[in-house]
Each structure stands twice: as structure tokens, then as C-alpha cells.
Amino acid sequence: MINMNMKKLIATLFAIVFLTSACSVKNPSLAYGKKCMVEDEQVVYSYVWLFDSESGLKATKEQCSQIAE
């Protein structure tokens, strides 16, 4: 079982990582829902995407069909 202090530590670490990655994007936007992106013959997927709103999100739901089953 994870006690309350461990939950706070995990939440704090997640917040720190999320905020530092958000600062590296000039116009940050969030997208929710499973989306995939093909990079160097590998399919990368996530349910939460942080991206630059000017360049747009390159990940799409359609690219998820390339995941090997």
C-alpha cells in the first residue's frame, strides 16, 4: 500500500516534471485522449499530449492502427 506521504511525493514529482516541460514550449496546449505518432519506425502513444499550439499536434488517432498487436 502507498501511504499518504508517498502519494504527495509522487504528485509533487509529476507536477515538477509537467511544469518544466511546459516551460520549454512557447505556446503550450494540451490534448487528451489516446493518440499515436510514428517516430523512426516506432509508434509512440500517450493519453495526454503537451504540444506547441502554433505548430500543431502531429499525433493522431489514425496512426494508432500501426501498433503491432
PDB file of N, CA and C in Angstrom:
ATOM      1  N   MET A   1       0.827  -1.182   0.000  1.00  0.00           N
ATOM      2  CA  MET A   1       0.000   0.000   0.000  1.00  0.00           C
ATOM      3  C   MET A   1       0.877   1.254   0.000  1.00  0.00           C
ATOM      4  N   ILE A   2       0.420   2.240  -0.714  1.00  0.00           N
ATOM      5  CA  ILE A   2       1.130   3.512  -0.751  1.00  0.00           C
ATOM      6  C   ILE A   2       0.498   4.428   0.295  1.00  0.00           C
ATOM      7  N   ASN A   3       1.322   4.929   1.199  1.00  0.00           N
ATOM      8  CA  ASN A   3       0.781   5.820   2.224  1.00  0.00           C
ATOM      9  C   ASN A   3       0.611   7.237   1.674  1.00  0.00           C
ATOM     10  N   MET A   4       0.046   8.115   2.473  1.00  0.00           N
ATOM     11  CA  MET A   4      -0.287   9.475   2.038  1.00  0.00           C
ATOM     12  C   MET A   4       0.961  10.281   1.669  1.00  0.00           C
ATOM     13  N   ASN A   5       2.055  10.097   2.413  1.00  0.00           N
ATOM     14  CA  ASN A   5       3.286  10.835   2.099  1.00  0.00           C
ATOM     15  C   ASN A   5       3.842  10.433   0.743  1.00  0.00           C
ATOM     16  N   MET A   6       3.747   9.161   0.420  1.00  0.00           N
ATOM     17  CA  MET A   6       4.246   8.680  -0.870  1.00  0.00           C
ATOM     18  C   MET A   6       3.384   9.248  -2.002  1.00  0.00           C
ATOM     19  N   LYS A   7       2.072   9.322  -1.801  1.00  0.00           N
ATOM     20  CA  LYS A   7       1.188   9.892  -2.815  1.00  0.00           C
ATOM     21  C   LYS A   7       1.518  11.365  -3.054  1.00  0.00           C
ATOM     22  N   LYS A   8       1.785  12.094  -1.989  1.00  0.00           N
ATOM     23  CA  LYS A   8       2.143  13.509  -2.119  1.00  0.00           C
ATOM     24  C   LYS A   8       3.460  13.666  -2.862  1.00  0.00           C
ATOM     25  N   LEU A   9       4.414  12.801  -2.565  1.00  0.00           N
ATOM     26  CA  LEU A   9       5.710  12.846  -3.233  1.00  0.00           C
ATOM     27  C   LEU A   9       5.559  12.570  -4.727  1.00  0.00           C
ATOM     28  N   ILE A  10       4.792  11.564  -5.075  1.00  0.00           N
ATOM     29  CA  ILE A  10       4.574  11.228  -6.483  1.00  0.00           C
ATOM     30  C   ILE A  10       3.862  12.368  -7.198  1.00  0.00           C
ATOM     31  N   ALA A  11       2.846  12.938  -6.566  1.00  0.00           N
ATOM     32  CA  ALA A  11       2.111  14.055  -7.170  1.00  0.00           C
ATOM     33  C   ALA A  11       3.015  15.265  -7.363  1.00  0.00           C
ATOM     34  N   THR A  12       3.869  15.543  -6.395  1.00  0.00           N
ATOM     35  CA  THR A  12       4.789  16.669  -6.496  1.00  0.00           C
ATOM     36  C   THR A  12       5.803  16.462  -7.609  1.00  0.00           C
ATOM     37  N   LEU A  13       6.356  15.267  -7.702  1.00  0.00           N
ATOM     38  CA  LEU A  13       7.322  14.974  -8.768  1.00  0.00           C
ATOM     39  C   LEU A  13       6.664  15.079 -10.141  1.00  0.00           C
ATOM     40  N   PHE A  14       5.441  14.567 -10.259  1.00  0.00           N
ATOM     41  CA  PHE A  14       4.725  14.666 -11.525  1.00  0.00           C
ATOM     42  C   PHE A  14       4.488  16.127 -11.894  1.00  0.00           C
ATOM     43  N   ALA A  15       4.096  16.932 -10.933  1.00  0.00           N
ATOM     44  CA  ALA A  15       3.842  18.355 -11.185  1.00  0.00           C
ATOM     45  C   ALA A  15       5.119  19.066 -11.622  1.00  0.00           C
ATOM     46  N   ILE A  16       6.230  18.759 -10.991  1.00  0.00           N
ATOM     47  CA  ILE A  16       7.503  19.389 -11.350  1.00  0.00           C
ATOM     48  C   ILE A  16       7.892  19.038 -12.778  1.00  0.00           C
ATOM     49  N   VAL A  17       7.794  17.771 -13.132  1.00  0.00           N
ATOM     50  CA  VAL A  17       8.150  17.340 -14.489  1.00  0.00           C
ATOM     51  C   VAL A  17       7.206  17.981 -15.499  1.00  0.00           C
ATOM     52  N   PHE A  18       5.924  18.008 -15.191  1.00  0.00           N
ATOM     53  CA  PHE A  18       4.946  18.583 -16.111  1.00  0.00           C
ATOM     54  C   PHE A  18       5.186  20.076 -16.312  1.00  0.00           C
ATOM     55  N   LEU A  19       5.454  20.789 -15.246  1.00  0.00           N
ATOM     56  CA  LEU A  19       5.671  22.233 -15.353  1.00  0.00           C
ATOM     57  C   LEU A  19       6.968  22.573 -16.057  1.00  0.00           C
ATOM     58  N   THR A  20       8.022  21.803 -15.826  1.00  0.00           N
ATOM     59  CA  THR A  20       9.281  22.099 -16.513  1.00  0.00           C
ATOM     60  C   THR A  20       9.187  21.801 -17.988  1.00  0.00           C
ATOM     61  N   SER A  21       8.436  20.776 -18.377  1.00  0.00           N
ATOM     62  CA  SER A  21       8.287  20.506 -19.806  1.00  0.00           C
ATOM     63  C   SER A  21       7.368  21.541 -20.452  1.00  0.00           C
ATOM     64  N   ALA A  22       6.408  22.065 -19.703  1.00  0.00           N
ATOM     65  CA  ALA A  22       5.522  23.100 -20.246  1.00  0.00           C
ATOM     66  C   ALA A  22       6.282  24.400 -20.488  1.00  0.00           C
ATOM     67  N   CYS A  23       7.278  24.665 -19.710  1.00  0.00           N
ATOM     68  CA  CYS A  23       8.056  25.898 -19.872  1.00  0.00           C
ATOM     69  C   CYS A  23       8.933  25.861 -21.110  1.00  0.00           C
ATOM     70  N   SER A  24       9.226  24.681 -21.630  1.00  0.00           N
ATOM     71  CA  SER A  24      10.075  24.584 -22.809  1.00  0.00           C
ATOM     72  C   SER A  24       9.294  24.789 -24.106  1.00  0.00           C
ATOM     73  N   VAL A  25       7.975  24.847 -24.031  1.00  0.00           N
ATOM     74  CA  VAL A  25       7.127  25.055 -25.194  1.00  0.00           C
ATOM     75  C   VAL A  25       6.655  26.510 -25.182  1.00  0.00           C
ATOM     76  N   LYS A  26       6.792  27.193 -26.322  1.00  0.00           N
ATOM     77  CA  LYS A  26       6.464  28.620 -26.372  1.00  0.00           C
ATOM     78  C   LYS A  26       4.968  28.885 -26.223  1.00  0.00           C
ATOM     79  N   ASN A  27       4.134  28.144 -26.927  1.00  0.00           N
ATOM     80  CA  ASN A  27       2.681  28.307 -26.870  1.00  0.00           C
ATOM     81  C   ASN A  27       2.065  26.961 -26.503  1.00  0.00           C
ATOM     82  N   PRO A  28       2.104  26.598 -25.239  1.00  0.00           N
ATOM     83  CA  PRO A  28       1.686  25.243 -24.857  1.00  0.00           C
ATOM     84  C   PRO A  28       0.181  25.023 -24.976  1.00  0.00           C
ATOM     85  N   SER A  29      -0.165  23.818 -25.387  1.00  0.00           N
ATOM     86  CA  SER A  29      -1.546  23.357 -25.436  1.00  0.00           C
ATOM     87  C   SER A  29      -1.570  21.913 -24.972  1.00  0.00           C
ATOM     88  N   LEU A  30      -2.706  21.482 -24.468  1.00  0.00           N
ATOM     89  CA  LEU A  30      -2.883  20.111 -24.020  1.00  0.00           C
ATOM     90  C   LEU A  30      -3.925  19.422 -24.875  1.00  0.00           C
ATOM     91  N   ALA A  31      -3.694  18.150 -25.147  1.00  0.00           N
ATOM     92  CA  ALA A  31      -4.683  17.322 -25.839  1.00  0.00           C
ATOM     93  C   ALA A  31      -4.858  16.049 -25.023  1.00  0.00           C
ATOM     94  N   TYR A  32      -6.108  15.630 -24.871  1.00  0.00           N
ATOM     95  CA  TYR A  32      -6.420  14.424 -24.114  1.00  0.00           C
ATOM     96  C   TYR A  32      -6.985  13.367 -25.048  1.00  0.00           C
ATOM     97  N   GLY A  33      -6.806  12.121 -24.684  1.00  0.00           N
ATOM     98  CA  GLY A  33      -7.288  11.012 -25.486  1.00  0.00           C
ATOM     99  C   GLY A  33      -6.123  10.302 -26.141  1.00  0.00           C
ATOM    100  N   LYS A  34      -6.272   9.022 -26.380  1.00  0.00           N
ATOM    101  CA  LYS A  34      -5.170   8.240 -26.945  1.00  0.00           C
ATOM    102  C   LYS A  34      -4.890   8.684 -28.374  1.00  0.00           C
ATOM    103  N   LYS A  35      -3.647   9.090 -28.593  1.00  0.00           N
ATOM    104  CA  LYS A  35      -3.171   9.473 -29.913  1.00  0.00           C
ATOM    105  C   LYS A  35      -1.791   8.869 -30.096  1.00  0.00           C
ATOM    106  N   CYS A  36      -1.418   8.625 -31.328  1.00  0.00           N
ATOM    107  CA  CYS A  36      -0.141   7.979 -31.622  1.00  0.00           C
ATOM    108  C   CYS A  36       0.638   8.801 -32.639  1.00  0.00           C
ATOM    109  N   MET A  37       1.952   8.604 -32.629  1.00  0.00           N
ATOM    110  CA  MET A  37       2.829   9.294 -33.552  1.00  0.00           C
ATOM    111  C   MET A  37       3.939   8.322 -33.932  1.00  0.00           C
ATOM    112  N   VAL A  38       4.261   8.252 -35.207  1.00  0.00           N
ATOM    113  CA  VAL A  38       5.315   7.359 -35.694  1.00  0.00           C
ATOM    114  C   VAL A  38       6.624   8.119 -35.701  1.00  0.00           C
ATOM    115  N   GLU A  39       7.627   7.571 -34.999  1.00  0.00           N
ATOM    116  CA  GLU A  39       8.971   8.156 -34.947  1.00  0.00           C
ATOM    117  C   GLU A  39       9.991   7.058 -35.215  1.00  0.00           C
ATOM    118  N   ASP A  40      10.753   7.200 -36.270  1.00  0.00           N
ATOM    119  CA  ASP A  40      11.822   6.249 -36.597  1.00  0.00           C
ATOM    120  C   ASP A  40      11.338   4.807 -36.541  1.00  0.00           C
ATOM    121  N   GLU A  41      10.263   4.517 -37.257  1.00  0.00           N
ATOM    122  CA  GLU A  41       9.680   3.180 -37.362  1.00  0.00           C
ATOM    123  C   GLU A  41       9.140   2.643 -36.032  1.00  0.00           C
ATOM    124  N   GLN A  42       8.949   3.498 -35.053  1.00  0.00           N
ATOM    125  CA  GLN A  42       8.343   3.110 -33.787  1.00  0.00           C
ATOM    126  C   GLN A  42       7.099   3.966 -33.574  1.00  0.00           C
ATOM    127  N   VAL A  43       6.086   3.351 -33.004  1.00  0.00           N
ATOM    128  CA  VAL A  43       4.858   4.083 -32.713  1.00  0.00           C
ATOM    129  C   VAL A  43       4.875   4.498 -31.246  1.00  0.00           C
ATOM    130  N   VAL A  44       4.753   5.793 -31.009  1.00  0.00           N
ATOM    131  CA  VAL A  44       4.732   6.351 -29.664  1.00  0.00           C
ATOM    132  C   VAL A  44       3.298   6.756 -29.382  1.00  0.00           C
ATOM    133  N   TYR A  45       2.767   6.377 -28.202  1.00  0.00           N
ATOM    134  CA  TYR A  45       1.400   6.764 -27.880  1.00  0.00           C
ATOM    135  C   TYR A  45       1.314   7.309 -26.469  1.00  0.00           C
ATOM    136  N   SER A  46       0.274   8.135 -26.268  1.00  0.00           N
ATOM    137  CA  SER A  46       0.035   8.722 -24.962  1.00  0.00           C
ATOM    138  C   SER A  46      -1.429   9.125 -24.875  1.00  0.00           C
ATOM    139  N   TYR A  47      -1.913   9.303 -23.660  1.00  0.00           N
ATOM    140  CA  TYR A  47      -3.270   9.769 -23.435  1.00  0.00           C
ATOM    141  C   TYR A  47      -3.315  11.266 -23.136  1.00  0.00           C
ATOM    142  N   VAL A  48      -2.158  11.864 -22.835  1.00  0.00           N
ATOM    143  CA  VAL A  48      -2.040  13.299 -22.583  1.00  0.00           C
ATOM    144  C   VAL A  48      -0.865  13.823 -23.406  1.00  0.00           C
ATOM    145  N   TRP A  49      -1.131  14.814 -24.242  1.00  0.00           N
ATOM    146  CA  TRP A  49      -0.092  15.387 -25.089  1.00  0.00           C
ATOM    147  C   TRP A  49       0.080  16.864 -24.775  1.00  0.00           C
ATOM    148  N   LEU A  50       1.315  17.284 -24.595  1.00  0.00           N
ATOM    149  CA  LEU A  50       1.680  18.688 -24.434  1.00  0.00           C
ATOM    150  C   LEU A  50       2.408  19.086 -25.711  1.00  0.00           C
ATOM    151  N   PHE A  51       1.885  20.101 -26.418  1.00  0.00           N
ATOM    152  CA  PHE A  51       2.467  20.463 -27.711  1.00  0.00           C
ATOM    153  C   PHE A  51       2.388  21.962 -27.927  1.00  0.00           C
ATOM    154  N   ASP A  52       3.128  22.438 -28.919  1.00  0.00           N
ATOM    155  CA  ASP A  52       3.131  23.850 -29.299  1.00  0.00           C
ATOM    156  C   ASP A  52       1.905  24.109 -30.174  1.00  0.00           C
ATOM    157  N   SER A  53       1.052  25.029 -29.750  1.00  0.00           N
ATOM    158  CA  SER A  53      -0.199  25.263 -30.476  1.00  0.00           C
ATOM    159  C   SER A  53       0.022  25.874 -31.857  1.00  0.00           C
ATOM    160  N   GLU A  54       1.141  26.547 -32.070  1.00  0.00           N
ATOM    161  CA  GLU A  54       1.414  27.124 -33.393  1.00  0.00           C
ATOM    162  C   GLU A  54       1.789  26.059 -34.414  1.00  0.00           C
ATOM    163  N   SER A  55       2.590  25.082 -34.007  1.00  0.00           N
ATOM    164  CA  SER A  55       2.994  24.035 -34.949  1.00  0.00           C
ATOM    165  C   SER A  55       1.979  22.905 -35.012  1.00  0.00           C
ATOM    166  N   GLY A  56       1.125  22.786 -34.010  1.00  0.00           N
ATOM    167  CA  GLY A  56       0.076  21.770 -34.027  1.00  0.00           C
ATOM    168  C   GLY A  56       0.558  20.425 -33.493  1.00  0.00           C
ATOM    169  N   LEU A  57      -0.408  19.565 -33.228  1.00  0.00           N
ATOM    170  CA  LEU A  57      -0.131  18.225 -32.716  1.00  0.00           C
ATOM    171  C   LEU A  57       0.034  17.274 -33.886  1.00  0.00           C
ATOM    172  N   LYS A  58       1.161  16.586 -33.941  1.00  0.00           N
ATOM    173  CA  LYS A  58       1.439  15.671 -35.040  1.00  0.00           C
ATOM    174  C   LYS A  58       0.867  14.282 -34.794  1.00  0.00           C
ATOM    175  N   ALA A  59       0.523  13.988 -33.554  1.00  0.00           N
ATOM    176  CA  ALA A  59      -0.043  12.685 -33.212  1.00  0.00           C
ATOM    177  C   ALA A  59      -1.530  12.656 -33.563  1.00  0.00           C
ATOM    178  N   THR A  60      -1.986  11.510 -34.083  1.00  0.00           N
ATOM    179  CA  THR A  60      -3.391  11.346 -34.444  1.00  0.00           C
ATOM    180  C   THR A  60      -3.906   9.994 -33.970  1.00  0.00           C
ATOM    181  N   LYS A  61      -5.220   9.854 -33.925  1.00  0.00           N
ATOM    182  CA  LYS A  61      -5.835   8.574 -33.574  1.00  0.00           C
ATOM    183  C   LYS A  61      -5.593   7.543 -34.673  1.00  0.00           C
ATOM    184  N   GLU A  62      -5.549   7.997 -35.913  1.00  0.00           N
ATOM    185  CA  GLU A  62      -5.390   7.086 -37.049  1.00  0.00           C
ATOM    186  C   GLU A  62      -4.044   6.365 -37.034  1.00  0.00           C
ATOM    187  N   GLN A  63      -2.999   7.028 -36.535  1.00  0.00           N
ATOM    188  CA  GLN A  63      -1.684   6.411 -36.511  1.00  0.00           C
ATOM    189  C   GLN A  63      -1.605   5.281 -35.484  1.00  0.00           C
ATOM    190  N   CYS A  64      -2.582   5.202 -34.577  1.00  0.00           N
ATOM    191  CA  CYS A  64      -2.599   4.131 -33.577  1.00  0.00           C
ATOM    192  C   CYS A  64      -2.845   2.762 -34.218  1.00  0.00           C
ATOM    193  N   SER A  65      -3.373   2.743 -35.426  1.00  0.00           N
ATOM    194  CA  SER A  65      -3.614   1.464 -36.101  1.00  0.00           C
ATOM    195  C   SER A  65      -2.306   0.768 -36.477  1.00  0.00           C
ATOM    196  N   GLN A  66      -1.189   1.471 -36.407  1.00  0.00           N
ATOM    197  CA  GLN A  66       0.115   0.897 -36.750  1.00  0.00           C
ATOM    198  C   GLN A  66       0.772   0.174 -35.576  1.00  0.00           C
ATOM    199  N   ILE A  67       0.129   0.172 -34.408  1.00  0.00           N
ATOM    200  CA  ILE A  67       0.688  -0.533 -33.254  1.00  0.00           C
ATOM    201  C   ILE A  67       0.547  -2.024 -33.491  1.00  0.00           C
ATOM    202  N   ALA A  68       1.646  -2.740 -33.339  1.00  0.00           N
ATOM    203  CA  ALA A  68       1.621  -4.201 -33.503  1.00  0.00           C
ATOM    204  C   ALA A  68       0.841  -4.835 -32.375  1.00  0.00           C
ATOM    205  N   GLU A  69       0.030  -5.804 -32.702  1.00  0.00           N
ATOM    206  CA  GLU A  69      -0.768  -6.468 -31.675  1.00  0.00           C
ATOM    207  C   GLU A  69      -0.123  -7.749 -31.225  1.00  0.00           C
TER     208      GLU A  69
END
